[in-house]
Amino acid sequence: MENIKIKECKLSDIEELQKISYKTFDETFRKYNKKEDIDLYLKNAFTITKLKGEIENKFSKFYLLYFKDELAAYLKLNILDAQSEQIDENALEIERIYILQKYQKHRIGEILVKFAVEKAKTLKKDKIWLGVWEHNEKALKFYKKIDFKIISSHDFYMGEDRQRDYIMIKEL
């Protein structure tokens, strides 16, 4: 797509990454959680210090997607020890794939998943996996449509509220 540019996120992009991380998570989950829980999560999850550590991890990569020169989405990929779960050593994890709401009708999710699949193939991985909140019907439908299968689940806490993410995998 001519209006799309994807670039690897560097330390010099950390403030942009922080802003989009915060905004996309807030847009996606605020309405489903208690205000104090989401506020505390956002305050702690996307600090410059935490993001710097993630960017510097040699087994993780962030990518920023620009639509018509505006930052619209981001992606975080993990391999080996950086994976949030040990699903398979020959797998690549999509830990985060977030798109600003105003860009969600532009097939950006498809573009980012295809990008992740290409990265996985380049790294000689034969699987790609991710976690999806059990109540995110839109995301679940999208991933099932592109051949991701639910293989298990894990708990995720938003404050005291225990939530469940489905672990989905796609064979390459």
Protein backbone atom coordinates (compact mmCIF):
# COMPACT_ATOMS: atom_id res chain seq x y z
CA MET A 1 0.00 0.00 0.00
CA GLU A 2 1.51 3.29 -1.05
CA ASN A 3 0.24 5.20 1.99
CA ILE A 4 1.86 2.78 4.46
CA LYS A 5 5.37 2.92 5.87
CA ILE A 6 6.69 0.55 8.55
CA LYS A 7 9.92 1.30 10.36
CA GLU A 8 11.79 -0.36 13.18
CA CYS A 9 11.44 1.58 16.41
CA LYS A 10 14.69 2.93 17.82
CA LEU A 11 15.43 4.62 21.16
CA SER A 12 15.04 7.97 19.41
CA ASP A 13 11.37 7.01 18.77
CA ILE A 14 10.62 6.15 22.40
CA GLU A 15 8.35 9.12 23.10
CA GLU A 16 6.26 8.36 20.00
CA LEU A 17 6.09 4.72 21.06
CA GLN A 18 5.02 5.69 24.57
CA LYS A 19 2.23 7.95 23.28
CA ILE A 20 0.79 5.41 20.86
CA SER A 21 1.13 2.55 23.37
CA TYR A 22 -0.78 4.51 25.98
CA LYS A 23 -3.45 5.82 23.60
CA THR A 24 -4.18 2.53 21.81
CA PHE A 25 -4.39 0.52 25.03
CA ASP A 26 -6.65 3.17 26.56
CA GLU A 27 -8.91 3.27 23.48
CA THR A 28 -9.14 -0.51 23.38
CA PHE A 29 -9.71 -1.39 27.04
CA ARG A 30 -10.85 1.61 29.13
CA LYS A 31 -14.56 0.99 28.56
CA TYR A 32 -14.23 -2.59 29.85
CA ASN A 33 -12.32 -1.89 33.05
CA LYS A 34 -12.60 0.09 36.27
CA LYS A 35 -11.16 3.59 35.92
CA GLU A 36 -8.66 3.13 38.77
CA ASP A 37 -7.45 -0.21 37.35
CA ILE A 38 -6.86 1.09 33.83
CA ASP A 39 -5.29 4.32 35.12
CA LEU A 40 -2.82 2.38 37.28
CA TYR A 41 -2.02 -0.06 34.47
CA LEU A 42 -1.35 2.75 32.00
CA LYS A 43 0.79 4.61 34.51
CA ASN A 44 3.04 1.56 35.02
CA ALA A 45 2.98 -0.34 31.72
CA PHE A 46 4.32 2.30 29.36
CA THR A 47 6.99 4.20 31.28
CA ILE A 48 10.03 5.41 29.36
CA THR A 49 12.23 3.18 31.55
CA LYS A 50 10.14 0.08 30.82
CA LEU A 51 9.89 0.77 27.10
CA LYS A 52 13.64 1.47 26.91
CA GLY A 53 14.34 -1.96 28.42
CA GLU A 54 12.00 -3.59 25.92
CA ILE A 55 13.56 -1.78 22.95
CA GLU A 56 17.05 -2.76 24.10
CA ASN A 57 16.13 -6.46 24.44
CA LYS A 58 17.92 -8.19 21.55
CA PHE A 59 15.07 -10.72 21.23
CA SER A 60 12.33 -8.08 20.83
CA LYS A 61 11.58 -5.59 18.09
CA PHE A 62 9.05 -2.80 17.89
CA TYR A 63 7.78 -1.49 14.57
CA LEU A 64 5.90 1.73 13.96
CA LEU A 65 3.38 1.94 11.13
CA TYR A 66 2.67 5.26 9.49
CA PHE A 67 -0.43 5.85 7.38
CA LYS A 68 -0.11 8.94 5.18
CA ASP A 69 2.86 10.04 7.31
CA GLU A 70 0.88 9.83 10.58
CA LEU A 71 1.71 7.27 13.24
CA ALA A 72 -1.27 4.91 13.14
CA ALA A 73 -0.18 1.63 14.74
CA TYR A 74 2.62 -0.35 16.29
CA LEU A 75 3.76 -3.92 16.59
CA LYS A 76 5.99 -5.73 19.07
CA LEU A 77 7.56 -9.07 18.10
CA ASN A 78 9.43 -11.45 20.41
CA ILE A 79 11.53 -14.54 19.95
CA LEU A 80 13.34 -16.93 22.29
CA ASP A 81 13.57 -15.68 25.91
CA ALA A 82 11.66 -12.46 25.22
CA GLN A 83 8.42 -14.37 24.56
CA SER A 84 5.83 -13.77 27.25
CA GLU A 85 5.07 -17.52 27.32
CA GLN A 86 7.22 -20.43 26.27
CA ILE A 87 4.96 -21.75 23.53
CA ASP A 88 7.63 -23.09 21.19
CA GLU A 89 11.29 -22.12 20.67
CA ASN A 90 10.68 -22.16 16.92
CA ALA A 91 7.89 -19.58 17.17
CA LEU A 92 7.63 -15.83 16.93
CA GLU A 93 5.27 -14.00 19.29
CA ILE A 94 3.20 -10.98 18.38
CA GLU A 95 3.09 -9.52 21.86
CA ARG A 96 1.44 -6.25 20.87
CA ILE A 97 -0.42 -5.20 17.77
CA TYR A 98 -2.34 -1.99 18.34
CA ILE A 99 -3.99 0.38 15.89
CA LEU A 100 -5.42 3.79 16.70
CA GLN A 101 -9.21 3.65 16.39
CA LYS A 102 -9.37 6.20 13.60
CA TYR A 103 -7.23 3.89 11.40
CA GLN A 104 -8.96 0.59 12.11
CA LYS A 105 -10.83 0.45 8.81
CA HIS A 106 -7.72 0.63 6.61
CA ARG A 107 -6.61 -3.06 6.68
CA ILE A 108 -3.65 -2.13 8.89
CA GLY A 109 -4.12 -5.24 11.04
CA GLU A 110 -3.71 -7.43 7.96
CA ILE A 111 -0.63 -5.50 6.90
CA LEU A 112 0.99 -5.86 10.33
CA VAL A 113 0.25 -9.60 10.57
CA LYS A 114 1.68 -10.17 7.08
CA PHE A 115 4.74 -8.16 8.12
CA ALA A 116 5.10 -10.33 11.26
CA VAL A 117 4.75 -13.53 9.20
CA GLU A 118 7.51 -12.35 6.86
CA LYS A 119 9.75 -11.58 9.86
CA ALA A 120 9.03 -15.05 11.25
CA LYS A 121 9.91 -16.70 7.94
CA THR A 122 13.13 -14.66 7.69
CA LEU A 123 14.05 -15.93 11.16
CA LYS A 124 13.22 -19.52 10.08
CA LYS A 125 10.31 -19.78 12.52
CA ASP A 126 7.49 -22.18 11.68
CA LYS A 127 4.82 -20.73 13.96
CA ILE A 128 3.52 -17.36 14.98
CA TRP A 129 1.41 -16.82 18.08
CA LEU A 130 -0.33 -14.18 20.15
CA GLY A 131 -2.68 -13.66 23.06
CA VAL A 132 -6.16 -12.16 22.60
CA TRP A 133 -8.56 -11.10 25.34
CA GLU A 134 -11.49 -13.52 25.39
CA HIS A 135 -14.02 -10.66 25.03
CA ASN A 136 -12.31 -8.98 22.09
CA GLU A 137 -14.70 -10.49 19.55
CA LYS A 138 -13.48 -8.29 16.69
CA ALA A 139 -9.87 -9.43 17.14
CA LEU A 140 -10.82 -13.08 17.67
CA LYS A 141 -12.88 -13.09 14.47
CA PHE A 142 -10.03 -11.43 12.54
CA TYR A 143 -7.36 -13.90 13.73
CA LYS A 144 -9.57 -16.94 13.12
CA LYS A 145 -10.24 -15.66 9.59
CA ILE A 146 -6.48 -15.67 8.89
CA ASP A 147 -5.94 -19.20 10.26
CA PHE A 148 -4.96 -18.61 13.88
CA LYS A 149 -6.27 -21.35 16.18
CA ILE A 150 -6.90 -21.17 19.92
CA ILE A 151 -4.57 -23.62 21.67
CA SER A 152 -4.80 -22.53 25.32
CA SER A 153 -5.34 -19.55 27.57
CA HIS A 154 -3.67 -17.62 30.36
CA ASP A 155 -4.79 -15.15 32.99
CA PHE A 156 -4.13 -11.43 32.81
CA TYR A 157 -4.82 -9.10 35.70
CA MET A 158 -6.18 -5.59 35.40
CA GLY A 159 -5.94 -4.52 39.02
CA GLU A 160 -7.78 -7.20 41.01
CA ASP A 161 -9.84 -8.22 37.97
CA ARG A 162 -8.72 -11.56 36.57
CA GLN A 163 -9.22 -11.70 32.81
CA ARG A 164 -8.45 -14.42 30.31
CA ASP A 165 -6.46 -14.21 27.10
CA TYR A 166 -6.70 -16.94 24.51
CA ILE A 167 -3.37 -18.11 23.12
CA MET A 168 -3.71 -18.39 19.35
CA ILE A 169 -1.18 -19.91 16.97
CA LYS A 170 -0.72 -19.99 13.22
CA GLU A 171 1.43 -22.57 11.47
CA LEU A 172 3.57 -21.10 8.71
